[in-house]
């Protein structure tokens, strides 16, 4: 595993525990993600292997679920 990168993603629609849980589970399922945790009311802090995945991969995984996401 190469050096881990970190990204803060802004995610709209994290107004319930269920939505927050759904987002974190989806992020953790992306290959190369070491951890994902809530970061403020509408964000997620993701630690990932930049050699295995990209920020756009993370954002796409959330958009597939119907969440509006981007770099925070």
PDB file of N, CA and C in Angstrom:
ATOM      1  N   UNK A   1       0.854  -1.179   0.000  1.00  0.00           N
ATOM      2  CA  UNK A   1       0.000   0.000   0.000  1.00  0.00           C
ATOM      3  C   UNK A   1       0.895   1.236   0.000  1.00  0.00           C
ATOM      4  N   UNK A   2       0.589   2.166  -0.879  1.00  0.00           N
ATOM      5  CA  UNK A   2       1.375   3.397  -0.918  1.00  0.00           C
ATOM      6  C   UNK A   2       0.902   4.358   0.178  1.00  0.00           C
ATOM      7  N   UNK A   3       1.532   5.521   0.217  1.00  0.00           N
ATOM      8  CA  UNK A   3       1.173   6.522   1.214  1.00  0.00           C
ATOM      9  C   UNK A   3      -0.318   6.861   1.105  1.00  0.00           C
ATOM     10  N   UNK A   4      -0.953   7.004   2.241  1.00  0.00           N
ATOM     11  CA  UNK A   4      -2.388   7.289   2.246  1.00  0.00           C
ATOM     12  C   UNK A   4      -2.645   8.779   2.098  1.00  0.00           C
ATOM     13  N   UNK A   5      -3.679   9.088   1.326  1.00  0.00           N
ATOM     14  CA  UNK A   5      -4.136  10.464   1.133  1.00  0.00           C
ATOM     15  C   UNK A   5      -5.403  10.663   1.936  1.00  0.00           C
ATOM     16  N   UNK A   6      -5.748  11.933   2.151  1.00  0.00           N
ATOM     17  CA  UNK A   6      -6.985  12.262   2.861  1.00  0.00           C
ATOM     18  C   UNK A   6      -7.758  13.281   2.053  1.00  0.00           C
ATOM     19  N   UNK A   7      -9.070  13.157   2.089  1.00  0.00           N
ATOM     20  CA  UNK A   7      -9.934  14.119   1.397  1.00  0.00           C
ATOM     21  C   UNK A   7     -11.153  14.389   2.262  1.00  0.00           C
ATOM     22  N   UNK A   8     -11.562  15.633   2.264  1.00  0.00           N
ATOM     23  CA  UNK A   8     -12.821  16.005   2.914  1.00  0.00           C
ATOM     24  C   UNK A   8     -13.835  16.217   1.797  1.00  0.00           C
ATOM     25  N   UNK A   9     -14.897  15.435   1.836  1.00  0.00           N
ATOM     26  CA  UNK A   9     -15.952  15.541   0.843  1.00  0.00           C
ATOM     27  C   UNK A   9     -17.147  16.251   1.444  1.00  0.00           C
ATOM     28  N   UNK A  10     -17.733  17.125   0.676  1.00  0.00           N
ATOM     29  CA  UNK A  10     -18.979  17.778   1.053  1.00  0.00           C
ATOM     30  C   UNK A  10     -20.106  16.945   0.459  1.00  0.00           C
ATOM     31  N   UNK A  11     -21.063  16.559   1.306  1.00  0.00           N
ATOM     32  CA  UNK A  11     -22.147  15.683   0.856  1.00  0.00           C
ATOM     33  C   UNK A  11     -23.473  16.269   1.310  1.00  0.00           C
ATOM     34  N   UNK A  12     -24.333  16.584   0.356  1.00  0.00           N
ATOM     35  CA  UNK A  12     -25.656  17.104   0.718  1.00  0.00           C
ATOM     36  C   UNK A  12     -26.597  15.958   1.047  1.00  0.00           C
ATOM     37  N   UNK A  13     -27.451  16.179   2.025  1.00  0.00           N
ATOM     38  CA  UNK A  13     -28.454  15.188   2.373  1.00  0.00           C
ATOM     39  C   UNK A  13     -28.090  14.302   3.540  1.00  0.00           C
ATOM     40  N   UNK A  14     -27.106  14.723   4.327  1.00  0.00           N
ATOM     41  CA  UNK A  14     -26.709  13.922   5.498  1.00  0.00           C
ATOM     42  C   UNK A  14     -27.468  14.367   6.746  1.00  0.00           C
ATOM     43  N   UNK A  15     -28.765  14.567   6.589  1.00  0.00           N
ATOM     44  CA  UNK A  15     -29.553  15.098   7.690  1.00  0.00           C
ATOM     45  C   UNK A  15     -30.133  14.030   8.609  1.00  0.00           C
ATOM     46  N   UNK A  16     -29.878  12.759   8.302  1.00  0.00           N
ATOM     47  CA  UNK A  16     -30.347  11.689   9.192  1.00  0.00           C
ATOM     48  C   UNK A  16     -29.193  10.708   9.461  1.00  0.00           C
ATOM     49  N   UNK A  17     -29.323   9.970  10.539  1.00  0.00           N
ATOM     50  CA  UNK A  17     -28.315   8.949  10.847  1.00  0.00           C
ATOM     51  C   UNK A  17     -28.268   7.884   9.763  1.00  0.00           C
ATOM     52  N   UNK A  18     -29.428   7.549   9.200  1.00  0.00           N
ATOM     53  CA  UNK A  18     -29.490   6.526   8.150  1.00  0.00           C
ATOM     54  C   UNK A  18     -28.732   6.984   6.903  1.00  0.00           C
ATOM     55  N   UNK A  19     -28.906   8.232   6.513  1.00  0.00           N
ATOM     56  CA  UNK A  19     -28.206   8.765   5.340  1.00  0.00           C
ATOM     57  C   UNK A  19     -26.701   8.802   5.587  1.00  0.00           C
ATOM     58  N   UNK A  20     -26.317   9.255   6.750  1.00  0.00           N
ATOM     59  CA  UNK A  20     -24.894   9.328   7.108  1.00  0.00           C
ATOM     60  C   UNK A  20     -24.273   7.928   7.077  1.00  0.00           C
ATOM     61  N   UNK A  21     -24.980   6.958   7.631  1.00  0.00           N
ATOM     62  CA  UNK A  21     -24.499   5.583   7.648  1.00  0.00           C
ATOM     63  C   UNK A  21     -24.371   5.029   6.227  1.00  0.00           C
ATOM     64  N   UNK A  22     -25.355   5.291   5.390  1.00  0.00           N
ATOM     65  CA  UNK A  22     -25.343   4.828   4.003  1.00  0.00           C
ATOM     66  C   UNK A  22     -24.131   5.378   3.255  1.00  0.00           C
ATOM     67  N   UNK A  23     -23.837   6.661   3.453  1.00  0.00           N
ATOM     68  CA  UNK A  23     -22.700   7.303   2.798  1.00  0.00           C
ATOM     69  C   UNK A  23     -21.380   6.700   3.282  1.00  0.00           C
ATOM     70  N   UNK A  24     -21.236   6.530   4.578  1.00  0.00           N
ATOM     71  CA  UNK A  24     -19.983   5.996   5.115  1.00  0.00           C
ATOM     72  C   UNK A  24     -19.755   4.551   4.690  1.00  0.00           C
ATOM     73  N   UNK A  25     -20.802   3.752   4.663  1.00  0.00           N
ATOM     74  CA  UNK A  25     -20.681   2.364   4.205  1.00  0.00           C
ATOM     75  C   UNK A  25     -20.256   2.331   2.736  1.00  0.00           C
ATOM     76  N   UNK A  26     -20.854   3.195   1.912  1.00  0.00           N
ATOM     77  CA  UNK A  26     -20.511   3.240   0.486  1.00  0.00           C
ATOM     78  C   UNK A  26     -19.063   3.656   0.286  1.00  0.00           C
ATOM     79  N   UNK A  27     -18.604   4.658   1.028  1.00  0.00           N
ATOM     80  CA  UNK A  27     -17.222   5.109   0.897  1.00  0.00           C
ATOM     81  C   UNK A  27     -16.246   4.025   1.326  1.00  0.00           C
ATOM     82  N   UNK A  28     -16.548   3.343   2.412  1.00  0.00           N
ATOM     83  CA  UNK A  28     -15.659   2.287   2.910  1.00  0.00           C
ATOM     84  C   UNK A  28     -15.583   1.105   1.948  1.00  0.00           C
ATOM     85  N   UNK A  29     -16.586   0.958   1.083  1.00  0.00           N
ATOM     86  CA  UNK A  29     -16.610  -0.151   0.125  1.00  0.00           C
ATOM     87  C   UNK A  29     -15.768   0.132  -1.124  1.00  0.00           C
ATOM     88  N   UNK A  30     -15.355   1.378  -1.318  1.00  0.00           N
ATOM     89  CA  UNK A  30     -14.538   1.717  -2.483  1.00  0.00           C
ATOM     90  C   UNK A  30     -13.148   1.108  -2.291  1.00  0.00           C
ATOM     91  N   UNK A  31     -12.654   0.376  -3.288  1.00  0.00           N
ATOM     92  CA  UNK A  31     -11.310  -0.214  -3.168  1.00  0.00           C
ATOM     93  C   UNK A  31     -10.252   0.849  -2.865  1.00  0.00           C
ATOM     94  N   UNK A  32      -9.410   0.569  -1.900  1.00  0.00           N
ATOM     95  CA  UNK A  32      -8.353   1.501  -1.530  1.00  0.00           C
ATOM     96  C   UNK A  32      -8.687   2.409  -0.364  1.00  0.00           C
ATOM     97  N   UNK A  33      -9.946   2.438   0.062  1.00  0.00           N
ATOM     98  CA  UNK A  33     -10.337   3.294   1.187  1.00  0.00           C
ATOM     99  C   UNK A  33      -9.951   2.604   2.489  1.00  0.00           C
ATOM    100  N   UNK A  34      -9.175   3.318   3.300  1.00  0.00           N
ATOM    101  CA  UNK A  34      -8.749   2.797   4.600  1.00  0.00           C
ATOM    102  C   UNK A  34      -9.757   3.148   5.684  1.00  0.00           C
ATOM    103  N   UNK A  35     -10.356   4.353   5.595  1.00  0.00           N
ATOM    104  CA  UNK A  35     -11.355   4.751   6.578  1.00  0.00           C
ATOM    105  C   UNK A  35     -12.212   5.880   6.017  1.00  0.00           C
ATOM    106  N   UNK A  36     -13.410   5.978   6.571  1.00  0.00           N
ATOM    107  CA  UNK A  36     -14.335   7.067   6.235  1.00  0.00           C
ATOM    108  C   UNK A  36     -15.116   7.381   7.495  1.00  0.00           C
ATOM    109  N   UNK A  37     -15.185   8.659   7.826  1.00  0.00           N
ATOM    110  CA  UNK A  37     -15.913   9.059   9.028  1.00  0.00           C
ATOM    111  C   UNK A  37     -16.632  10.377   8.773  1.00  0.00           C
ATOM    112  N   UNK A  38     -17.670  10.622   9.555  1.00  0.00           N
ATOM    113  CA  UNK A  38     -18.412  11.868   9.428  1.00  0.00           C
ATOM    114  C   UNK A  38     -17.503  13.039   9.772  1.00  0.00           C
ATOM    115  N   UNK A  39     -17.679  14.122   9.050  1.00  0.00           N
ATOM    116  CA  UNK A  39     -16.870  15.330   9.250  1.00  0.00           C
ATOM    117  C   UNK A  39     -17.814  16.522   9.182  1.00  0.00           C
ATOM    118  N   UNK A  40     -18.334  16.916  10.325  1.00  0.00           N
ATOM    119  CA  UNK A  40     -19.298  18.009  10.357  1.00  0.00           C
ATOM    120  C   UNK A  40     -20.666  17.534   9.897  1.00  0.00           C
ATOM    121  N   UNK A  41     -21.613  18.455   9.785  1.00  0.00           N
ATOM    122  CA  UNK A  41     -22.986  18.073   9.471  1.00  0.00           C
ATOM    123  C   UNK A  41     -23.197  17.599   8.031  1.00  0.00           C
ATOM    124  N   UNK A  42     -22.363  18.024   7.094  1.00  0.00           N
ATOM    125  CA  UNK A  42     -22.529  17.625   5.691  1.00  0.00           C
ATOM    126  C   UNK A  42     -21.198  17.238   5.063  1.00  0.00           C
ATOM    127  N   UNK A  43     -20.412  16.452   5.782  1.00  0.00           N
ATOM    128  CA  UNK A  43     -19.118  16.086   5.223  1.00  0.00           C
ATOM    129  C   UNK A  43     -18.651  14.719   5.640  1.00  0.00           C
ATOM    130  N   UNK A  44     -17.647  14.249   4.910  1.00  0.00           N
ATOM    131  CA  UNK A  44     -17.011  12.973   5.216  1.00  0.00           C
ATOM    132  C   UNK A  44     -15.510  13.130   5.032  1.00  0.00           C
ATOM    133  N   UNK A  45     -14.756  12.612   5.982  1.00  0.00           N
ATOM    134  CA  UNK A  45     -13.298  12.594   5.901  1.00  0.00           C
ATOM    135  C   UNK A  45     -12.901  11.179   5.494  1.00  0.00           C
ATOM    136  N   UNK A  46     -12.221  11.074   4.360  1.00  0.00           N
ATOM    137  CA  UNK A  46     -11.862   9.769   3.807  1.00  0.00           C
ATOM    138  C   UNK A  46     -10.346   9.655   3.723  1.00  0.00           C
ATOM    139  N   UNK A  47      -9.817   8.563   4.226  1.00  0.00           N
ATOM    140  CA  UNK A  47      -8.399   8.236   4.094  1.00  0.00           C
ATOM    141  C   UNK A  47      -8.321   7.087   3.098  1.00  0.00           C
ATOM    142  N   UNK A  48      -7.509   7.265   2.055  1.00  0.00           N
ATOM    143  CA  UNK A  48      -7.499   6.292   0.972  1.00  0.00           C
ATOM    144  C   UNK A  48      -6.115   6.181   0.330  1.00  0.00           C
ATOM    145  N   UNK A  49      -5.913   5.092  -0.391  1.00  0.00           N
ATOM    146  CA  UNK A  49      -4.679   4.842  -1.126  1.00  0.00           C
ATOM    147  C   UNK A  49      -4.825   5.492  -2.496  1.00  0.00           C
ATOM    148  N   UNK A  50      -4.100   6.581  -2.716  1.00  0.00           N
ATOM    149  CA  UNK A  50      -4.187   7.317  -3.961  1.00  0.00           C
ATOM    150  C   UNK A  50      -3.687   6.534  -5.167  1.00  0.00           C
ATOM    151  N   UNK A  51      -2.969   5.466  -4.939  1.00  0.00           N
ATOM    152  CA  UNK A  51      -2.534   4.614  -6.036  1.00  0.00           C
ATOM    153  C   UNK A  51      -3.613   3.645  -6.480  1.00  0.00           C
ATOM    154  N   UNK A  52      -4.656   3.536  -5.675  1.00  0.00           N
ATOM    155  CA  UNK A  52      -5.724   2.573  -5.960  1.00  0.00           C
ATOM    156  C   UNK A  52      -7.047   3.241  -6.310  1.00  0.00           C
ATOM    157  N   UNK A  53      -7.275   4.435  -5.806  1.00  0.00           N
ATOM    158  CA  UNK A  53      -8.541   5.127  -6.070  1.00  0.00           C
ATOM    159  C   UNK A  53      -8.294   6.630  -6.140  1.00  0.00           C
ATOM    160  N   UNK A  54      -9.274   7.359  -6.634  1.00  0.00           N
ATOM    161  CA  UNK A  54      -9.164   8.818  -6.751  1.00  0.00           C
ATOM    162  C   UNK A  54     -10.335   9.473  -6.027  1.00  0.00           C
ATOM    163  N   UNK A  55     -10.218  10.758  -5.836  1.00  0.00           N
ATOM    164  CA  UNK A  55     -11.318  11.512  -5.223  1.00  0.00           C
ATOM    165  C   UNK A  55     -12.565  11.396  -6.098  1.00  0.00           C
ATOM    166  N   UNK A  56     -12.385  11.430  -7.408  1.00  0.00           N
ATOM    167  CA  UNK A  56     -13.547  11.299  -8.295  1.00  0.00           C
ATOM    168  C   UNK A  56     -14.228   9.944  -8.129  1.00  0.00           C
ATOM    169  N   UNK A  57     -13.459   8.885  -7.867  1.00  0.00           N
ATOM    170  CA  UNK A  57     -14.069   7.577  -7.594  1.00  0.00           C
ATOM    171  C   UNK A  57     -14.950   7.651  -6.347  1.00  0.00           C
ATOM    172  N   UNK A  58     -14.460   8.351  -5.337  1.00  0.00           N
ATOM    173  CA  UNK A  58     -15.230   8.508  -4.097  1.00  0.00           C
ATOM    174  C   UNK A  58     -16.519   9.278  -4.358  1.00  0.00           C
ATOM    175  N   UNK A  59     -16.394  10.367  -5.086  1.00  0.00           N
ATOM    176  CA  UNK A  59     -17.567  11.198  -5.399  1.00  0.00           C
ATOM    177  C   UNK A  59     -18.573  10.408  -6.233  1.00  0.00           C
ATOM    178  N   UNK A  60     -18.090   9.672  -7.231  1.00  0.00           N
ATOM    179  CA  UNK A  60     -18.985   8.863  -8.076  1.00  0.00           C
ATOM    180  C   UNK A  60     -19.745   7.829  -7.258  1.00  0.00           C
ATOM    181  N   UNK A  61     -19.078   7.233  -6.274  1.00  0.00           N
ATOM    182  CA  UNK A  61     -19.748   6.212  -5.462  1.00  0.00           C
ATOM    183  C   UNK A  61     -20.939   6.809  -4.715  1.00  0.00           C
ATOM    184  N   UNK A  62     -20.821   8.067  -4.320  1.00  0.00           N
ATOM    185  CA  UNK A  62     -21.927   8.727  -3.612  1.00  0.00           C
ATOM    186  C   UNK A  62     -23.003   9.217  -4.567  1.00  0.00           C
ATOM    187  N   UNK A  63     -22.585   9.697  -5.707  1.00  0.00           N
ATOM    188  CA  UNK A  63     -23.571  10.154  -6.704  1.00  0.00           C
ATOM    189  C   UNK A  63     -24.426   9.010  -7.186  1.00  0.00           C
ATOM    190  N   UNK A  64     -23.871   7.808  -7.277  1.00  0.00           N
ATOM    191  CA  UNK A  64     -24.653   6.630  -7.668  1.00  0.00           C
ATOM    192  C   UNK A  64     -25.782   6.365  -6.687  1.00  0.00           C
ATOM    193  N   UNK A  65     -25.585   6.769  -5.428  1.00  0.00           N
ATOM    194  CA  UNK A  65     -26.611   6.591  -4.397  1.00  0.00           C
ATOM    195  C   UNK A  65     -27.609   7.743  -4.366  1.00  0.00           C
ATOM    196  N   UNK A  66     -27.355   8.771  -5.187  1.00  0.00           N
ATOM    197  CA  UNK A  66     -28.262   9.910  -5.241  1.00  0.00           C
ATOM    198  C   UNK A  66     -27.852  11.090  -4.385  1.00  0.00           C
ATOM    199  N   UNK A  67     -26.653  11.058  -3.826  1.00  0.00           N
ATOM    200  CA  UNK A  67     -26.161  12.177  -3.016  1.00  0.00           C
ATOM    201  C   UNK A  67     -25.361  13.138  -3.885  1.00  0.00           C
ATOM    202  N   UNK A  68     -25.519  14.419  -3.648  1.00  0.00           N
ATOM    203  CA  UNK A  68     -24.718  15.436  -4.315  1.00  0.00           C
ATOM    204  C   UNK A  68     -23.438  15.582  -3.512  1.00  0.00           C
ATOM    205  N   UNK A  69     -22.299  15.264  -4.128  1.00  0.00           N
ATOM    206  CA  UNK A  69     -21.035  15.284  -3.413  1.00  0.00           C
ATOM    207  C   UNK A  69     -19.967  16.002  -4.230  1.00  0.00           C
ATOM    208  N   UNK A  70     -18.992  16.554  -3.519  1.00  0.00           N
ATOM    209  CA  UNK A  70     -17.867  17.221  -4.154  1.00  0.00           C
ATOM    210  C   UNK A  70     -16.778  17.446  -3.119  1.00  0.00           C
ATOM    211  N   UNK A  71     -15.705  18.070  -3.555  1.00  0.00           N
ATOM    212  CA  UNK A  71     -14.629  18.397  -2.620  1.00  0.00           C
ATOM    213  C   UNK A  71     -15.120  19.458  -1.654  1.00  0.00           C
ATOM    214  N   UNK A  72     -14.837  19.246  -0.377  1.00  0.00           N
ATOM    215  CA  UNK A  72     -15.337  20.161   0.636  1.00  0.00           C
ATOM    216  C   UNK A  72     -14.288  21.075   1.085  1.00  0.00           C
TER     217      UNK A  72
END
